[in-house]
Amino acid sequence: MSRAELLIDERHMIDHDLFAEIVVWRVPKPVAGSGHAFKYRLALVAKGACVLRYDNEAGKGDHRHAGRREQPYPFRDYESLLADFWADVDKWRRKHENCDT
């Protein structure tokens, strides 16, 4: 029986009250609701609140949360997952650059 393999587990401090946390595992069989061999959670946290999250919670499949909105995420591959997340982080930062989150 193969085991899950941790591919990345990182926290990136972006500002004094803003960080991104990225955790991705390669799993021996797909998580319920997903059709690929990855289990992941990527989050952007501002002032202690999660403002952006990508995950594939068992049974819900691949999806993303932006604020209070939840929508399906079209998972393609590991590299695209990371690129899409960082692109959304950049968009969020531009939108909230001069705001109080």
C-alpha atoms as a PDB file:
ATOM      1  CA  MET A   1       0.000   0.000   0.000  1.00  0.00           C
ATOM      2  CA  SER A   2       1.510   3.324  -1.012  1.00  0.00           C
ATOM      3  CA  ARG A   3       1.413   6.299   1.269  1.00  0.00           C
ATOM      4  CA  ALA A   4       0.661   9.967   0.746  1.00  0.00           C
ATOM      5  CA  GLU A   5       3.705  12.067  -0.145  1.00  0.00           C
ATOM      6  CA  LEU A   6       3.976  15.654   1.077  1.00  0.00           C
ATOM      7  CA  LEU A   7       5.000  17.800  -1.901  1.00  0.00           C
ATOM      8  CA  ILE A   8       4.895  21.240  -0.331  1.00  0.00           C
ATOM      9  CA  ASP A   9       4.147  22.721   3.093  1.00  0.00           C
ATOM     10  CA  GLU A  10       5.041  26.402   3.136  1.00  0.00           C
ATOM     11  CA  ARG A  11       4.002  29.651   4.743  1.00  0.00           C
ATOM     12  CA  HIS A  12       4.864  32.827   2.868  1.00  0.00           C
ATOM     13  CA  MET A  13       4.777  36.051   4.881  1.00  0.00           C
ATOM     14  CA  ILE A  14       3.638  38.701   2.415  1.00  0.00           C
ATOM     15  CA  ASP A  15       3.142  41.568   4.861  1.00  0.00           C
ATOM     16  CA  HIS A  16       3.013  41.931   8.640  1.00  0.00           C
ATOM     17  CA  ASP A  17      -0.663  40.854   8.691  1.00  0.00           C
ATOM     18  CA  LEU A  18      -0.875  38.889   5.417  1.00  0.00           C
ATOM     19  CA  PHE A  19       0.409  35.399   4.639  1.00  0.00           C
ATOM     20  CA  ALA A  20      -0.180  32.519   2.253  1.00  0.00           C
ATOM     21  CA  GLU A  21      -0.119  28.902   3.372  1.00  0.00           C
ATOM     22  CA  ILE A  22       0.300  26.126   0.823  1.00  0.00           C
ATOM     23  CA  VAL A  23       0.010  22.398   1.574  1.00  0.00           C
ATOM     24  CA  VAL A  24      -0.139  19.796  -1.200  1.00  0.00           C
ATOM     25  CA  TRP A  25       0.055  16.013  -0.921  1.00  0.00           C
ATOM     26  CA  ARG A  26       0.307  13.393  -3.665  1.00  0.00           C
ATOM     27  CA  VAL A  27      -2.139  10.694  -2.581  1.00  0.00           C
ATOM     28  CA  PRO A  28      -2.311   7.030  -3.647  1.00  0.00           C
ATOM     29  CA  LYS A  29      -5.933   7.390  -4.789  1.00  0.00           C
ATOM     30  CA  PRO A  30      -8.087  10.451  -5.520  1.00  0.00           C
ATOM     31  CA  VAL A  31      -9.931  12.187  -2.699  1.00  0.00           C
ATOM     32  CA  ALA A  32     -13.708  11.642  -2.993  1.00  0.00           C
ATOM     33  CA  GLY A  33     -15.028  14.199  -5.472  1.00  0.00           C
ATOM     34  CA  SER A  34     -11.683  14.752  -7.243  1.00  0.00           C
ATOM     35  CA  GLY A  35     -10.282  12.839 -10.198  1.00  0.00           C
ATOM     36  CA  HIS A  36      -6.557  13.317  -9.585  1.00  0.00           C
ATOM     37  CA  ALA A  37      -3.858  12.192  -7.164  1.00  0.00           C
ATOM     38  CA  PHE A  38      -3.526  15.387  -5.095  1.00  0.00           C
ATOM     39  CA  LYS A  39      -4.955  16.587  -1.784  1.00  0.00           C
ATOM     40  CA  TYR A  40      -4.446  20.297  -1.226  1.00  0.00           C
ATOM     41  CA  ARG A  41      -5.260  23.458   0.672  1.00  0.00           C
ATOM     42  CA  LEU A  42      -3.911  26.833  -0.287  1.00  0.00           C
ATOM     43  CA  ALA A  43      -4.998  29.846   1.723  1.00  0.00           C
ATOM     44  CA  LEU A  44      -4.442  33.572   1.871  1.00  0.00           C
ATOM     45  CA  VAL A  45      -4.954  34.960   5.379  1.00  0.00           C
ATOM     46  CA  ALA A  46      -5.334  38.694   6.053  1.00  0.00           C
ATOM     47  CA  LYS A  47      -5.533  40.040   9.601  1.00  0.00           C
ATOM     48  CA  GLY A  48      -6.352  36.561  10.898  1.00  0.00           C
ATOM     49  CA  ALA A  49      -9.190  35.886   8.415  1.00  0.00           C
ATOM     50  CA  CYS A  50      -9.024  33.514   5.472  1.00  0.00           C
ATOM     51  CA  VAL A  51      -9.860  35.659   2.423  1.00  0.00           C
ATOM     52  CA  LEU A  52      -8.977  33.181  -0.331  1.00  0.00           C
ATOM     53  CA  ARG A  53      -8.778  29.387  -0.259  1.00  0.00           C
ATOM     54  CA  TYR A  54      -8.366  26.581  -2.757  1.00  0.00           C
ATOM     55  CA  ASP A  55      -9.032  23.056  -1.510  1.00  0.00           C
ATOM     56  CA  ASN A  56     -10.483  19.678  -2.373  1.00  0.00           C
ATOM     57  CA  GLU A  57     -12.293  18.664   0.767  1.00  0.00           C
ATOM     58  CA  ALA A  58     -13.465  15.036   0.596  1.00  0.00           C
ATOM     59  CA  GLY A  59     -16.897  14.848  -0.997  1.00  0.00           C
ATOM     60  CA  LYS A  60     -16.852  18.455  -2.246  1.00  0.00           C
ATOM     61  CA  GLY A  61     -14.171  18.069  -4.889  1.00  0.00           C
ATOM     62  CA  ASP A  62     -11.994  20.844  -6.247  1.00  0.00           C
ATOM     63  CA  HIS A  63     -13.220  24.323  -5.348  1.00  0.00           C
ATOM     64  CA  ARG A  64     -12.131  27.778  -4.308  1.00  0.00           C
ATOM     65  CA  HIS A  65     -13.416  30.277  -1.790  1.00  0.00           C
ATOM     66  CA  ALA A  66     -13.086  33.998  -2.412  1.00  0.00           C
ATOM     67  CA  GLY A  67     -14.472  35.846   0.567  1.00  0.00           C
ATOM     68  CA  ARG A  68     -17.845  34.210   1.207  1.00  0.00           C
ATOM     69  CA  ARG A  69     -18.226  32.899  -2.352  1.00  0.00           C
ATOM     70  CA  GLU A  70     -17.497  29.265  -3.121  1.00  0.00           C
ATOM     71  CA  GLN A  71     -17.179  27.989  -6.677  1.00  0.00           C
ATOM     72  CA  PRO A  72     -15.838  24.906  -8.457  1.00  0.00           C
ATOM     73  CA  TYR A  73     -12.168  24.996  -9.386  1.00  0.00           C
ATOM     74  CA  PRO A  74     -11.170  23.347 -12.696  1.00  0.00           C
ATOM     75  CA  PHE A  75      -8.079  21.432 -11.485  1.00  0.00           C
ATOM     76  CA  ARG A  76      -5.676  20.731 -14.374  1.00  0.00           C
ATOM     77  CA  ASP A  77      -2.350  19.906 -12.741  1.00  0.00           C
ATOM     78  CA  TYR A  78      -0.114  20.748  -9.787  1.00  0.00           C
ATOM     79  CA  GLU A  79       1.739  23.568 -11.553  1.00  0.00           C
ATOM     80  CA  SER A  80      -1.493  25.244 -12.714  1.00  0.00           C
ATOM     81  CA  LEU A  81      -2.941  24.992  -9.195  1.00  0.00           C
ATOM     82  CA  LEU A  82      -0.014  26.971  -7.786  1.00  0.00           C
ATOM     83  CA  ALA A  83      -0.038  29.479 -10.665  1.00  0.00           C
ATOM     84  CA  ASP A  84      -3.804  30.050 -10.379  1.00  0.00           C
ATOM     85  CA  PHE A  85      -3.579  30.541  -6.613  1.00  0.00           C
ATOM     86  CA  TRP A  86      -0.732  33.064  -6.854  1.00  0.00           C
ATOM     87  CA  ALA A  87      -2.563  34.922  -9.654  1.00  0.00           C
ATOM     88  CA  ASP A  88      -5.621  35.206  -7.366  1.00  0.00           C
ATOM     89  CA  VAL A  89      -3.384  36.378  -4.501  1.00  0.00           C
ATOM     90  CA  ASP A  90      -2.027  39.123  -6.770  1.00  0.00           C
ATOM     91  CA  LYS A  91      -5.574  40.139  -7.803  1.00  0.00           C
ATOM     92  CA  TRP A  92      -6.694  40.230  -4.164  1.00  0.00           C
ATOM     93  CA  ARG A  93      -3.713  42.353  -3.183  1.00  0.00           C
ATOM     94  CA  ARG A  94      -4.312  44.853  -6.016  1.00  0.00           C
ATOM     95  CA  LYS A  95      -7.987  45.134  -5.052  1.00  0.00           C
ATOM     96  CA  HIS A  96      -7.232  45.633  -1.348  1.00  0.00           C
ATOM     97  CA  GLU A  97      -4.029  47.629  -1.688  1.00  0.00           C
ATOM     98  CA  ASN A  98      -5.469  50.817  -0.207  1.00  0.00           C
ATOM     99  CA  CYS A  99      -8.257  49.277   1.880  1.00  0.00           C
ATOM    100  CA  ASP A 100      -8.518  47.955   5.410  1.00  0.00           C
ATOM    101  CA  THR A 101      -9.085  44.361   4.109  1.00  0.00           C
END
